[in-house]
Amino acid sequence: MPKFRRSAAVSALSAVTVGVLLSGCSASVSVGTPKLSAGKLASTLSAKLAATTGRPKPHITCPEDLKGKVGTATRCTLSADDGSTLGITVKVTSVEDGKINFDYKADDKVSPAAG
């Protein structure tokens, strides 16, 4: 029976990042229109996580723009160097004067690298 070995990167990802994300966090971004591009959302999440954990910015991708409508949600993915991933749900909490406020929360489990 094959054994799954957790690398240092996965351990660090699950121990530090997941612990921080599971507590639930929020952020806000000021934009000219009530929409936040996928790239800007990913870089904002990355910067918030780096500031919260004191670690380098993680690689995050978001598949779509975040529309500035309360309740709108999207899913982003944090990828570790070893190929493991962690899903992050982002949900708009309010929009005020073109500023989109949102909460984000990570999945409970890290997905190991494929292969």
C-alpha atoms as a PDB file:
ATOM      1  CA  MET A   1       0.000   0.000   0.000  1.00  0.00           C
ATOM      2  CA  PRO A   2       1.577   3.353  -1.026  1.00  0.00           C
ATOM      3  CA  LYS A   3       2.165   5.889   1.678  1.00  0.00           C
ATOM      4  CA  PHE A   4       1.545   9.601   1.205  1.00  0.00           C
ATOM      5  CA  ARG A   5       4.532  11.647   2.330  1.00  0.00           C
ATOM      6  CA  ARG A   6       3.855  15.227   3.267  1.00  0.00           C
ATOM      7  CA  SER A   7       6.615  17.523   2.150  1.00  0.00           C
ATOM      8  CA  ALA A   8       7.851  20.474   4.179  1.00  0.00           C
ATOM      9  CA  ALA A   9       5.979  22.790   1.830  1.00  0.00           C
ATOM     10  CA  VAL A  10       2.673  21.001   2.382  1.00  0.00           C
ATOM     11  CA  SER A  11       3.246  20.928   6.122  1.00  0.00           C
ATOM     12  CA  ALA A  12       4.037  24.624   6.155  1.00  0.00           C
ATOM     13  CA  LEU A  13       1.048  25.344   3.940  1.00  0.00           C
ATOM     14  CA  SER A  14      -1.331  23.363   6.105  1.00  0.00           C
ATOM     15  CA  ALA A  15       0.088  24.460   9.451  1.00  0.00           C
ATOM     16  CA  VAL A  16       0.463  28.163   8.815  1.00  0.00           C
ATOM     17  CA  THR A  17      -1.711  29.235   5.924  1.00  0.00           C
ATOM     18  CA  VAL A  18      -4.662  26.991   6.606  1.00  0.00           C
ATOM     19  CA  GLY A  19      -4.692  27.978  10.269  1.00  0.00           C
ATOM     20  CA  VAL A  20      -4.794  31.640   9.328  1.00  0.00           C
ATOM     21  CA  LEU A  21      -7.363  31.199   6.575  1.00  0.00           C
ATOM     22  CA  LEU A  22      -9.685  28.977   8.546  1.00  0.00           C
ATOM     23  CA  SER A  23     -10.177  31.705  11.079  1.00  0.00           C
ATOM     24  CA  GLY A  24     -11.839  33.749   8.308  1.00  0.00           C
ATOM     25  CA  CYS A  25     -10.495  37.043   7.153  1.00  0.00           C
ATOM     26  CA  SER A  26     -11.697  40.070   5.303  1.00  0.00           C
ATOM     27  CA  ALA A  27     -10.267  42.656   2.983  1.00  0.00           C
ATOM     28  CA  SER A  28     -11.376  45.552   0.859  1.00  0.00           C
ATOM     29  CA  VAL A  29     -10.195  47.073  -2.371  1.00  0.00           C
ATOM     30  CA  SER A  30     -11.071  50.404  -3.857  1.00  0.00           C
ATOM     31  CA  VAL A  31     -11.835  50.212  -7.571  1.00  0.00           C
ATOM     32  CA  GLY A  32     -13.274  52.621 -10.135  1.00  0.00           C
ATOM     33  CA  THR A  33     -16.139  50.305 -11.086  1.00  0.00           C
ATOM     34  CA  PRO A  34     -17.953  47.717  -9.009  1.00  0.00           C
ATOM     35  CA  LYS A  35     -15.788  44.879 -10.351  1.00  0.00           C
ATOM     36  CA  LEU A  36     -12.405  43.558  -9.254  1.00  0.00           C
ATOM     37  CA  SER A  37     -10.281  41.803 -11.882  1.00  0.00           C
ATOM     38  CA  ALA A  38      -9.203  38.230 -11.239  1.00  0.00           C
ATOM     39  CA  GLY A  39      -5.543  39.297 -11.236  1.00  0.00           C
ATOM     40  CA  LYS A  40      -6.083  42.118  -8.746  1.00  0.00           C
ATOM     41  CA  LEU A  41      -8.131  39.827  -6.503  1.00  0.00           C
ATOM     42  CA  ALA A  42      -5.347  37.211  -6.548  1.00  0.00           C
ATOM     43  CA  SER A  43      -2.629  39.776  -5.769  1.00  0.00           C
ATOM     44  CA  THR A  44      -4.732  41.313  -2.971  1.00  0.00           C
ATOM     45  CA  LEU A  45      -5.305  37.900  -1.366  1.00  0.00           C
ATOM     46  CA  SER A  46      -1.605  37.061  -1.712  1.00  0.00           C
ATOM     47  CA  ALA A  47      -0.554  40.337  -0.073  1.00  0.00           C
ATOM     48  CA  LYS A  48      -3.074  39.918   2.782  1.00  0.00           C
ATOM     49  CA  LEU A  49      -1.865  36.376   3.497  1.00  0.00           C
ATOM     50  CA  ALA A  50       1.791  37.434   3.429  1.00  0.00           C
ATOM     51  CA  ALA A  51       1.063  40.288   5.838  1.00  0.00           C
ATOM     52  CA  THR A  52      -0.941  38.021   8.147  1.00  0.00           C
ATOM     53  CA  THR A  53       1.543  35.135   8.228  1.00  0.00           C
ATOM     54  CA  GLY A  54       4.830  37.064   7.889  1.00  0.00           C
ATOM     55  CA  ARG A  55       5.804  34.701   5.074  1.00  0.00           C
ATOM     56  CA  PRO A  56       6.485  35.409   1.379  1.00  0.00           C
ATOM     57  CA  LYS A  57       3.480  36.051  -0.851  1.00  0.00           C
ATOM     58  CA  PRO A  58       1.910  32.754  -1.924  1.00  0.00           C
ATOM     59  CA  HIS A  59       0.979  32.055  -5.539  1.00  0.00           C
ATOM     60  CA  ILE A  60      -2.786  32.524  -5.903  1.00  0.00           C
ATOM     61  CA  THR A  61      -4.941  32.380  -9.022  1.00  0.00           C
ATOM     62  CA  CYS A  62      -8.573  33.377  -9.427  1.00  0.00           C
ATOM     63  CA  PRO A  63     -10.541  32.211 -12.487  1.00  0.00           C
ATOM     64  CA  GLU A  64     -12.853  35.200 -12.824  1.00  0.00           C
ATOM     65  CA  ASP A  65     -13.417  38.824 -11.898  1.00  0.00           C
ATOM     66  CA  LEU A  66     -15.254  39.513  -8.650  1.00  0.00           C
ATOM     67  CA  LYS A  67     -18.467  41.443  -9.270  1.00  0.00           C
ATOM     68  CA  GLY A  68     -19.231  44.147  -6.719  1.00  0.00           C
ATOM     69  CA  LYS A  69     -22.583  42.802  -5.601  1.00  0.00           C
ATOM     70  CA  VAL A  70     -23.172  41.707  -2.003  1.00  0.00           C
ATOM     71  CA  GLY A  71     -23.265  37.919  -1.751  1.00  0.00           C
ATOM     72  CA  THR A  72     -21.320  37.317  -4.969  1.00  0.00           C
ATOM     73  CA  ALA A  73     -18.685  34.626  -4.478  1.00  0.00           C
ATOM     74  CA  THR A  74     -15.785  33.131  -6.408  1.00  0.00           C
ATOM     75  CA  ARG A  75     -13.180  30.456  -5.794  1.00  0.00           C
ATOM     76  CA  CYS A  76      -9.439  31.065  -5.940  1.00  0.00           C
ATOM     77  CA  THR A  77      -6.568  28.596  -5.593  1.00  0.00           C
ATOM     78  CA  LEU A  78      -3.373  28.877  -3.570  1.00  0.00           C
ATOM     79  CA  SER A  79      -0.590  26.723  -5.086  1.00  0.00           C
ATOM     80  CA  ALA A  80       2.490  25.584  -3.137  1.00  0.00           C
ATOM     81  CA  ASP A  81       5.901  24.981  -4.711  1.00  0.00           C
ATOM     82  CA  ASP A  82       5.411  21.208  -4.515  1.00  0.00           C
ATOM     83  CA  GLY A  83       2.172  21.360  -6.540  1.00  0.00           C
ATOM     84  CA  SER A  84      -0.259  20.976  -3.656  1.00  0.00           C
ATOM     85  CA  THR A  85      -3.223  23.371  -3.676  1.00  0.00           C
ATOM     86  CA  LEU A  86      -5.692  24.956  -1.321  1.00  0.00           C
ATOM     87  CA  GLY A  87      -9.066  26.362  -2.390  1.00  0.00           C
ATOM     88  CA  ILE A  88     -10.145  29.773  -1.119  1.00  0.00           C
ATOM     89  CA  THR A  89     -13.722  31.065  -1.226  1.00  0.00           C
ATOM     90  CA  VAL A  90     -14.119  34.832  -1.597  1.00  0.00           C
ATOM     91  CA  LYS A  91     -17.480  36.477  -0.877  1.00  0.00           C
ATOM     92  CA  VAL A  92     -18.488  40.137  -1.265  1.00  0.00           C
ATOM     93  CA  THR A  93     -19.757  41.561   2.027  1.00  0.00           C
ATOM     94  CA  SER A  94     -20.440  45.160   0.956  1.00  0.00           C
ATOM     95  CA  VAL A  95     -19.796  47.730  -1.757  1.00  0.00           C
ATOM     96  CA  GLU A  96     -19.397  51.366  -0.773  1.00  0.00           C
ATOM     97  CA  ASP A  97     -18.446  54.145  -3.198  1.00  0.00           C
ATOM     98  CA  GLY A  98     -16.779  51.708  -5.610  1.00  0.00           C
ATOM     99  CA  LYS A  99     -14.945  49.907  -2.803  1.00  0.00           C
ATOM    100  CA  ILE A 100     -15.564  46.152  -2.732  1.00  0.00           C
ATOM    101  CA  ASN A 101     -15.298  44.616   0.737  1.00  0.00           C
ATOM    102  CA  PHE A 102     -14.993  40.855   0.945  1.00  0.00           C
ATOM    103  CA  ASP A 103     -14.321  37.965   3.308  1.00  0.00           C
ATOM    104  CA  TYR A 104     -12.237  34.942   2.383  1.00  0.00           C
ATOM    105  CA  LYS A 105     -11.931  31.463   3.836  1.00  0.00           C
ATOM    106  CA  ALA A 106      -9.807  28.463   2.885  1.00  0.00           C
ATOM    107  CA  ASP A 107     -10.954  24.902   2.463  1.00  0.00           C
ATOM    108  CA  ASP A 108     -10.365  22.542   5.385  1.00  0.00           C
ATOM    109  CA  LYS A 109      -8.004  20.305   3.411  1.00  0.00           C
ATOM    110  CA  VAL A 110      -4.931  20.769   1.244  1.00  0.00           C
ATOM    111  CA  SER A 111      -5.046  18.853  -2.046  1.00  0.00           C
ATOM    112  CA  PRO A 112      -1.777  17.005  -2.670  1.00  0.00           C
ATOM    113  CA  ALA A 113       0.067  17.416  -5.949  1.00  0.00           C
ATOM    114  CA  ALA A 114      -1.200  15.211  -8.762  1.00  0.00           C
ATOM    115  CA  GLY A 115       0.951  12.295  -9.748  1.00  0.00           C
END
